Amino acid sequence: MRARTGLFLQNHSSEERETVGILAKKYCEGDQDVCVFSKTGISDWGGEEPISFFTRLPTACLNNAVVSPRIRPFSTNFGQVFLCNLSQAVGEGNRIVVPCQNESNGRKKGYWTASWLTNALETSVQYHPEEAAAILSAPAKPRRRNSILQWYVQEAHLLWGQLQSLKTMDFNTRVVKGEYPFLRNAVNRVVSKPNSRFLEILEEESTYRNWMNYCIDGVYYKSALLQHMLERFFQTRQDLFVADMGAGPGYLAAELALCDERVREVLVNDSNGINLLFAKRFLAFFGEDFASRFSMNISPMEECRYERMYDVICFIGSLLYLPRDMAGITLDRAWDALLPGGILVVHENIKRDSYSRDYHLMFTTGELDDALARFGRILYFSSTAMMEVAPSRAGTSTVFRVVQKET
């Protein structure tokens, strides 16, 4: 039987497929049959139909694996668990080829380096600077596996069956506090019927899985950058309180709490009560100690009332869904709820003609800057590396905008 190599692609384009195929031929011995993996499990170029990155793969189902150099390899817990899932799928003693930066560039951007790979994984690492790549010997085992990705790999296949009950659920019934102990505002709250877009997602299992993969993939880079901000702005604080507004089930906030023990409590606010079902599942997976640090508020963002002061309040891809005339007052309330030295973080895709979905709701760079500049100086952080960028370089790119409250 011919050897089988997994190719893990960022954009699953034919050009990228060719580049990764060359790496496979160079570093993986023997003739190789291949199977292609992508972030969502969708192909856009008509080649092999890919599998999702986040599928729980059978043990030793691959002889080798090659991760595309176009994938941003953030040195986080999420990255560790991704490599562990990949490693257990590769037969013992075989090879995993991954992107790897030199030590200086890797530390600057927060990317994988030979030293990080060696410290994070119990495996040998061969660094090849000419290819900006490293070869790992399977199996690799993360020293810590506390990431939302760990739950997703283990349980994503179980969620589909449970969510089918939503099609027949009696909506507009009152939330029972005992079923969702993490729900902060249970009094008089109801679970409303999901919007038509969500119900369409539930029509086909493949559509649902692609949507879930998309949601989880976003946690990787967003959590990496937010972790960088916690280190940058709160070097000496021991107890951090984080609120994430319009946050869906709270995957991103949960990842921050899992990765940084200083995050004492996270509050997730979202208007869709269906997210309670997802949060309940991952909180049960990580246990009571972690669940005690997580709370959820079901209400529109513009109606949220903060019950305490926070170090970090985030609006990650959520401001655009506010009624535009409510954006100002919603940001004012968030700013008033920040502790001295706390940060307000906003991340939005910038309005441009290439977007079709939600184009009419998106902000221009000027609109976002005007909304935040009244609070103070705006700092800009890249979405692709753990680093600050100059305002002139941010341009119309999608970046994290951060304003820090004076101490």
Protein backbone atom coordinates (compact mmCIF):
# COMPACT_ATOMS: atom_id res chain seq x y z
CA MET A 1 0.00 0.00 0.00
CA ARG A 2 1.30 3.46 -0.90
CA ALA A 3 2.06 5.91 1.92
CA ARG A 4 -0.59 8.52 2.66
CA THR A 5 0.38 12.11 3.49
CA GLY A 6 -1.96 14.78 4.84
CA LEU A 7 -1.58 18.28 3.37
CA PHE A 8 -2.91 21.03 5.66
CA LEU A 9 -3.69 24.17 3.65
CA GLN A 10 -4.62 27.72 4.63
CA ASN A 11 -6.62 28.83 1.59
CA HIS A 12 -6.82 25.49 -0.28
CA SER A 13 -5.83 27.16 -3.56
CA SER A 14 -4.15 25.26 -6.38
CA GLU A 15 -0.97 27.35 -5.95
CA GLU A 16 -0.76 26.56 -2.25
CA ARG A 17 -1.52 22.92 -2.94
CA GLU A 18 1.46 22.80 -5.30
CA THR A 19 3.80 24.51 -2.79
CA VAL A 20 2.90 22.12 0.02
CA GLY A 21 3.15 19.18 -2.35
CA ILE A 22 6.77 20.14 -3.10
CA LEU A 23 7.56 20.15 0.63
CA ALA A 24 5.96 16.72 0.96
CA LYS A 25 8.11 15.28 -1.84
CA LYS A 26 11.27 16.79 -0.32
CA TYR A 27 10.82 15.75 3.30
CA CYS A 28 8.49 12.74 3.25
CA GLU A 29 10.10 9.57 1.97
CA GLY A 30 8.58 7.37 -0.71
CA ASP A 31 5.76 7.83 -3.20
CA GLN A 32 2.85 9.54 -1.54
CA ASP A 33 -0.89 9.45 -1.96
CA VAL A 34 -2.30 12.59 -0.41
CA CYS A 35 -5.41 13.77 1.38
CA VAL A 36 -6.09 17.48 1.71
CA PHE A 37 -7.22 19.31 4.85
CA SER A 38 -8.52 22.88 5.11
CA LYS A 39 -9.80 25.11 7.92
CA THR A 40 -13.45 24.72 6.99
CA GLY A 41 -13.39 21.52 4.98
CA ILE A 42 -14.46 23.35 1.82
CA SER A 43 -12.52 23.38 -1.46
CA ASP A 44 -12.61 26.38 -3.77
CA TRP A 45 -10.49 25.13 -6.63
CA GLY A 46 -11.95 21.82 -7.77
CA GLY A 47 -9.15 19.55 -6.54
CA GLU A 48 -9.39 16.90 -3.87
CA GLU A 49 -12.32 17.45 -1.53
CA PRO A 50 -10.62 18.43 1.73
CA ILE A 51 -11.26 17.37 5.32
CA SER A 52 -11.46 19.91 8.14
CA PHE A 53 -8.34 20.67 10.20
CA PHE A 54 -10.39 20.06 13.32
CA THR A 55 -11.71 16.60 12.56
CA ARG A 56 -10.88 13.99 15.17
CA LEU A 57 -8.71 11.69 13.09
CA PRO A 58 -8.17 7.97 13.68
CA THR A 59 -4.87 7.04 15.29
CA ALA A 60 -2.05 6.48 12.79
CA CYS A 61 -4.29 7.09 9.76
CA LEU A 62 -1.52 9.12 8.08
CA ASN A 63 2.07 8.27 7.35
CA ASN A 64 3.17 11.89 7.25
CA ALA A 65 1.70 15.40 7.46
CA VAL A 66 2.76 18.74 5.97
CA VAL A 67 1.38 22.04 7.28
CA SER A 68 1.33 24.92 4.79
CA PRO A 69 3.79 27.80 5.35
CA ARG A 70 0.85 30.15 4.76
CA ILE A 71 -0.77 29.10 8.01
CA ARG A 72 -0.02 31.54 10.83
CA PRO A 73 1.63 29.32 13.44
CA PHE A 74 0.88 31.11 16.70
CA SER A 75 2.71 29.79 19.75
CA THR A 76 -0.37 29.30 21.94
CA ASN A 77 -2.23 26.48 23.65
CA PHE A 78 -4.53 26.27 20.62
CA GLY A 79 -1.48 25.68 18.45
CA GLN A 80 -0.25 22.97 20.81
CA VAL A 81 -3.55 21.09 20.69
CA PHE A 82 -3.72 21.40 16.90
CA LEU A 83 -0.29 19.78 16.67
CA CYS A 84 -1.30 17.06 19.13
CA ASN A 85 -4.40 16.17 17.11
CA LEU A 86 -2.27 16.11 13.99
CA SER A 87 0.43 14.04 15.65
CA GLN A 88 -1.83 11.28 16.92
CA ALA A 89 -3.04 10.82 13.34
CA VAL A 90 0.52 10.25 12.11
CA GLY A 91 2.08 6.87 12.69
CA GLU A 92 4.80 6.69 15.32
CA GLY A 93 8.23 7.53 13.97
CA ASN A 94 6.88 9.31 10.87
CA ARG A 95 7.20 12.99 10.04
CA ILE A 96 5.25 16.18 10.52
CA VAL A 97 6.54 19.18 8.55
CA VAL A 98 5.46 22.54 10.03
CA PRO A 99 6.21 26.25 9.52
CA CYS A 100 9.01 27.43 11.81
CA GLN A 101 10.59 30.87 12.18
CA ASN A 102 14.07 31.75 13.38
CA GLU A 103 14.19 32.66 17.07
CA SER A 104 14.30 36.44 16.60
CA ASN A 105 11.46 36.68 14.08
CA GLY A 106 9.39 34.06 15.87
CA ARG A 107 9.53 35.86 19.23
CA LYS A 108 8.66 39.14 17.55
CA LYS A 109 5.56 37.76 15.82
CA GLY A 110 4.57 35.08 18.32
CA TYR A 111 5.13 32.27 15.82
CA TRP A 112 6.46 28.73 16.23
CA THR A 113 10.21 28.46 16.64
CA ALA A 114 12.41 25.41 17.16
CA SER A 115 12.75 26.24 20.88
CA TRP A 116 8.98 26.71 21.33
CA LEU A 117 8.23 23.45 19.53
CA THR A 118 10.80 21.64 21.66
CA ASN A 119 9.47 23.07 24.93
CA ALA A 120 5.79 22.67 24.05
CA LEU A 121 5.96 19.18 22.57
CA GLU A 122 7.69 16.06 23.79
CA THR A 123 9.36 15.27 20.49
CA SER A 124 12.55 15.91 18.55
CA VAL A 125 12.68 18.95 16.25
CA GLN A 126 14.85 19.42 13.17
CA TYR A 127 14.92 23.06 12.00
CA HIS A 128 15.44 23.80 8.28
CA PRO A 129 16.00 27.57 7.95
CA GLU A 130 16.16 27.46 4.15
CA GLU A 131 12.49 26.40 4.06
CA ALA A 132 11.43 28.20 7.28
CA ALA A 133 10.22 24.76 8.35
CA ALA A 134 10.75 22.18 11.06
CA ILE A 135 10.36 18.41 11.03
CA LEU A 136 8.74 16.83 14.08
CA SER A 137 8.82 13.16 14.92
CA ALA A 138 5.40 11.76 15.77
CA PRO A 139 3.84 11.46 18.23
CA ALA A 140 4.09 14.97 19.69
CA LYS A 141 2.38 15.61 23.01
CA PRO A 142 1.56 19.11 24.30
CA ARG A 143 2.63 19.64 27.87
CA ARG A 144 -0.63 21.54 28.45
CA ARG A 145 -3.86 20.84 26.62
CA ASN A 146 -6.14 23.52 28.01
CA SER A 147 -7.74 24.96 24.88
CA ILE A 148 -11.27 25.18 23.52
CA LEU A 149 -9.93 23.21 20.55
CA GLN A 150 -9.44 20.20 22.83
CA TRP A 151 -13.18 20.17 23.57
CA TYR A 152 -14.10 20.74 19.95
CA VAL A 153 -11.98 17.90 18.60
CA GLN A 154 -13.42 15.54 21.21
CA GLU A 155 -17.10 16.52 21.03
CA ALA A 156 -17.97 18.37 17.81
CA HIS A 157 -19.35 15.21 16.25
CA LEU A 158 -21.79 14.84 19.17
CA LEU A 159 -23.33 18.32 18.86
CA TRP A 160 -25.07 17.72 15.55
CA GLY A 161 -27.58 15.28 16.99
CA GLN A 162 -28.38 17.49 19.97
CA LEU A 163 -28.95 20.56 17.80
CA GLN A 164 -31.54 18.77 15.72
CA SER A 165 -33.91 19.19 18.66
CA LEU A 166 -33.91 22.94 17.95
CA LYS A 167 -36.16 22.33 14.96
CA THR A 168 -38.96 21.15 17.24
CA MET A 169 -38.15 23.07 20.42
CA ASP A 170 -40.91 25.13 22.02
CA PHE A 171 -39.31 28.54 21.81
CA ASN A 172 -40.17 31.64 23.84
CA THR A 173 -40.21 29.49 26.97
CA ARG A 174 -38.55 30.80 30.09
CA VAL A 175 -34.99 29.85 30.88
CA VAL A 176 -34.64 27.54 33.87
CA LYS A 177 -31.76 28.84 35.96
CA GLY A 178 -30.82 25.38 37.23
CA GLU A 179 -30.14 24.17 33.69
CA TYR A 180 -27.70 27.02 33.04
CA PRO A 181 -26.05 28.00 36.34
CA PHE A 182 -23.62 30.25 34.49
CA LEU A 183 -26.48 32.43 33.16
CA ARG A 184 -26.36 35.73 34.98
CA ASN A 185 -29.71 37.28 34.00
CA ALA A 186 -32.09 34.33 34.14
CA VAL A 187 -35.06 36.23 35.54
CA ASN A 188 -37.74 36.72 32.88
CA ARG A 189 -35.40 35.68 30.08
CA VAL A 190 -36.64 33.47 27.27
CA VAL A 191 -34.98 31.38 24.58
CA SER A 192 -36.09 32.96 21.33
CA LYS A 193 -36.28 31.12 18.04
CA PRO A 194 -32.99 31.09 16.09
CA ASN A 195 -32.84 33.39 13.10
CA SER A 196 -33.34 31.97 9.61
CA ARG A 197 -29.59 31.93 8.89
CA PHE A 198 -28.92 29.63 11.84
CA LEU A 199 -31.79 27.32 10.93
CA GLU A 200 -30.37 27.05 7.42
CA ILE A 201 -27.07 25.94 8.93
CA LEU A 202 -28.89 23.07 10.63
CA GLU A 203 -30.35 21.76 7.38
CA GLU A 204 -27.24 19.77 6.42
CA GLU A 205 -24.62 18.28 8.71
CA SER A 206 -21.82 19.34 6.35
CA THR A 207 -23.05 22.96 6.43
CA TYR A 208 -23.23 22.89 10.22
CA ARG A 209 -19.72 21.45 10.54
CA ASN A 210 -18.27 24.02 8.12
CA TRP A 211 -19.87 26.80 10.14
CA MET A 212 -18.55 25.40 13.43
CA ASN A 213 -15.08 24.96 11.94
CA TYR A 214 -15.17 28.60 10.83
CA CYS A 215 -16.11 29.74 14.35
CA ILE A 216 -13.40 27.68 16.03
CA ASP A 217 -10.71 28.69 13.53
CA GLY A 218 -11.30 32.35 14.37
CA VAL A 219 -10.48 31.64 18.00
CA TYR A 220 -6.89 30.74 17.02
CA TYR A 221 -5.64 34.11 15.83
CA LYS A 222 -8.00 36.26 17.89
CA SER A 223 -7.04 34.58 21.16
CA ALA A 224 -3.35 34.81 20.24
CA LEU A 225 -3.58 38.57 19.80
CA LEU A 226 -5.70 39.07 22.91
CA GLN A 227 -3.25 37.01 24.96
CA HIS A 228 -0.50 39.29 23.66
CA MET A 229 -2.51 42.31 24.85
CA LEU A 230 -2.98 40.82 28.33
CA GLU A 231 0.79 40.43 28.56
CA ARG A 232 1.43 43.90 27.14
CA PHE A 233 -1.01 45.93 29.25
CA PHE A 234 -1.30 43.91 32.47
CA GLN A 235 2.17 42.72 33.34
CA THR A 236 1.69 43.18 37.09
CA ARG A 237 -2.04 42.55 37.58
CA GLN A 238 -2.91 39.21 39.14
CA ASP A 239 -6.71 39.13 38.81
CA LEU A 240 -8.22 40.07 35.45
CA PHE A 241 -11.89 40.46 34.57
CA VAL A 242 -12.84 40.22 30.89
CA ALA A 243 -16.15 40.94 29.11
CA ASP A 244 -16.76 39.90 25.50
CA MET A 245 -19.78 41.54 23.87
CA GLY A 246 -21.78 39.92 21.07
CA ALA A 247 -19.62 36.87 21.66
CA GLY A 248 -21.82 33.95 20.63
CA PRO A 249 -21.25 30.94 22.91
CA GLY A 250 -18.08 32.50 24.34
CA TYR A 251 -15.39 30.38 22.69
CA LEU A 252 -12.92 33.27 22.56
CA ALA A 253 -13.45 34.38 26.16
CA ALA A 254 -13.20 30.77 27.31
CA GLU A 255 -9.89 30.38 25.48
CA LEU A 256 -8.46 33.41 27.28
CA ALA A 257 -9.51 32.01 30.66
CA LEU A 258 -8.11 28.58 29.82
CA CYS A 259 -4.76 30.00 28.72
CA ASP A 260 -4.18 32.66 31.40
CA GLU A 261 -4.88 31.74 35.01
CA ARG A 262 -4.92 35.44 35.89
CA VAL A 263 -8.29 35.73 34.11
CA ARG A 264 -10.45 35.30 37.18
CA GLU A 265 -13.80 35.82 35.46
CA VAL A 266 -15.18 36.23 31.95
CA LEU A 267 -18.58 37.63 31.06
CA VAL A 268 -20.02 36.70 27.67
CA ASN A 269 -22.92 38.75 26.33
CA ASP A 270 -25.03 37.69 23.35
CA SER A 271 -28.63 38.15 22.28
CA ASN A 272 -29.15 34.58 21.06
CA GLY A 273 -30.16 32.17 23.82
CA ILE A 274 -29.28 29.21 21.62
CA ASN A 275 -25.66 29.85 22.59
CA LEU A 276 -26.49 28.55 26.06
CA LEU A 277 -26.51 25.03 24.61
CA PHE A 278 -22.96 25.30 23.27
CA ALA A 279 -21.60 26.96 26.40
CA LYS A 280 -23.16 24.30 28.62
CA ARG A 281 -21.34 21.58 26.68
CA PHE A 282 -17.83 23.01 26.83
CA LEU A 283 -18.19 24.12 30.46
CA ALA A 284 -19.12 20.55 31.42
CA PHE A 285 -16.05 19.32 29.52
CA PHE A 286 -13.62 21.54 31.44
CA GLY A 287 -15.17 21.00 34.87
CA GLU A 288 -16.64 22.99 37.73
CA ASP A 289 -13.52 24.98 38.63
CA PHE A 290 -13.36 26.47 35.17
CA ALA A 291 -17.14 26.89 34.90
CA SER A 292 -17.10 29.00 38.06
CA ARG A 293 -15.04 31.61 36.17
CA PHE A 294 -17.51 31.83 33.27
CA SER A 295 -20.81 33.71 33.13
CA MET A 296 -23.21 34.61 30.32
CA ASN A 297 -25.69 37.39 29.81
CA ILE A 298 -28.46 36.94 27.21
CA SER A 299 -29.48 40.36 25.95
CA PRO A 300 -28.82 42.74 23.05
CA MET A 301 -25.47 44.49 23.49
CA GLU A 302 -27.14 47.88 23.69
CA GLU A 303 -29.17 46.71 26.70
CA CYS A 304 -26.30 45.20 28.64
CA ARG A 305 -25.74 46.63 32.11
CA TYR A 306 -22.35 45.90 33.63
CA GLU A 307 -22.58 44.68 37.21
CA ARG A 308 -18.91 45.14 37.96
CA MET A 309 -15.80 46.86 36.55
CA TYR A 310 -13.61 45.08 33.99
CA ASP A 311 -9.99 45.13 32.87
CA VAL A 312 -10.86 44.22 29.27
CA ILE A 313 -14.06 44.76 27.31
CA CYS A 314 -14.09 43.42 23.75
CA PHE A 315 -16.28 43.93 20.70
CA ILE A 316 -14.91 41.36 18.26
CA GLY A 317 -16.82 41.43 14.97
CA SER A 318 -19.99 42.46 16.79
CA LEU A 319 -20.35 46.26 16.65
CA LEU A 320 -21.63 46.12 13.08
CA TYR A 321 -24.75 44.27 14.26
CA LEU A 322 -25.77 47.11 16.56
CA PRO A 323 -28.31 49.67 15.38
CA ARG A 324 -25.88 52.35 14.22
CA ASP A 325 -27.48 55.02 16.38
CA MET A 326 -26.83 52.84 19.45
CA ALA A 327 -23.13 52.26 18.85
CA GLY A 328 -22.03 55.42 20.63
CA ILE A 329 -23.98 54.85 23.84
CA THR A 330 -23.02 51.17 23.89
CA LEU A 331 -19.33 52.07 23.71
CA ASP A 332 -19.86 54.77 26.38
CA ARG A 333 -21.30 52.20 28.79
CA ALA A 334 -18.39 49.86 28.12
CA TRP A 335 -15.88 52.64 28.71
CA ASP A 336 -17.56 53.60 31.99
CA ALA A 337 -17.29 49.95 33.10
CA LEU A 338 -13.52 49.80 32.54
CA LEU A 339 -11.15 49.86 35.48
CA PRO A 340 -8.34 52.44 35.38
CA GLY A 341 -5.67 51.03 33.07
CA GLY A 342 -8.24 48.77 31.42
CA ILE A 343 -8.56 48.41 27.66
CA LEU A 344 -11.42 48.63 25.17
CA VAL A 345 -10.76 46.31 22.20
CA VAL A 346 -12.60 46.53 18.86
CA HIS A 347 -12.01 44.27 15.86
CA GLU A 348 -14.09 44.65 12.70
CA ASN A 349 -13.66 43.75 9.05
CA ILE A 350 -13.33 47.04 7.20
CA LYS A 351 -15.97 47.87 4.61
CA ARG A 352 -14.79 47.11 1.10
CA ASP A 353 -16.41 46.06 -2.17
CA SER A 354 -15.03 42.51 -1.98
CA TYR A 355 -17.46 41.73 0.86
CA SER A 356 -21.01 40.73 -0.01
CA ARG A 357 -22.32 39.43 3.32
CA ASP A 358 -23.09 42.26 5.79
CA TYR A 359 -21.49 44.87 3.50
CA HIS A 360 -24.24 47.38 4.30
CA LEU A 361 -23.54 46.98 8.04
CA MET A 362 -19.74 47.35 7.97
CA PHE A 363 -17.70 50.30 9.19
CA THR A 364 -15.15 52.34 7.29
CA THR A 365 -11.82 53.02 8.99
CA GLY A 366 -12.89 56.61 9.57
CA GLU A 367 -16.12 55.59 11.29
CA LEU A 368 -14.31 53.24 13.66
CA ASP A 369 -11.56 55.71 14.46
CA ASP A 370 -14.06 58.49 15.11
CA ALA A 371 -16.07 56.23 17.43
CA LEU A 372 -13.00 55.38 19.53
CA ALA A 373 -10.76 58.46 19.36
CA ARG A 374 -12.96 60.38 21.81
CA PHE A 375 -11.83 57.97 24.54
CA GLY A 376 -8.11 58.47 23.93
CA ARG A 377 -5.22 57.46 21.69
CA ILE A 378 -5.97 54.41 19.54
CA LEU A 379 -3.33 51.69 19.33
CA TYR A 380 -3.43 49.29 16.38
CA PHE A 381 -2.47 45.61 16.55
CA SER A 382 -2.00 43.25 13.64
CA SER A 383 -4.44 40.39 13.01
CA THR A 384 -1.62 38.24 11.63
CA ALA A 385 1.20 38.62 14.18
CA MET A 386 1.55 39.45 17.87
CA MET A 387 2.71 43.00 17.28
CA GLU A 388 1.58 46.61 17.25
CA VAL A 389 1.46 48.42 13.92
CA ALA A 390 1.74 52.11 13.15
CA PRO A 391 -1.51 53.92 12.26
CA SER A 392 -0.11 54.66 8.80
CA ARG A 393 0.48 50.94 8.21
CA ALA A 394 -2.93 49.88 9.53
CA GLY A 395 -4.62 51.62 6.60
CA THR A 396 -7.76 49.75 5.56
CA SER A 397 -6.52 46.44 6.97
CA THR A 398 -8.57 44.56 9.52
CA VAL A 399 -6.74 45.25 12.78
CA PHE A 400 -7.42 45.29 16.50
CA ARG A 401 -8.11 48.81 17.76
CA VAL A 402 -7.26 49.31 21.42
CA VAL A 403 -7.81 52.29 23.72
CA GLN A 404 -6.42 52.20 27.26
CA LYS A 405 -8.13 54.06 30.10
CA GLU A 406 -5.88 56.34 32.10
CA THR A 407 -4.78 55.06 35.49
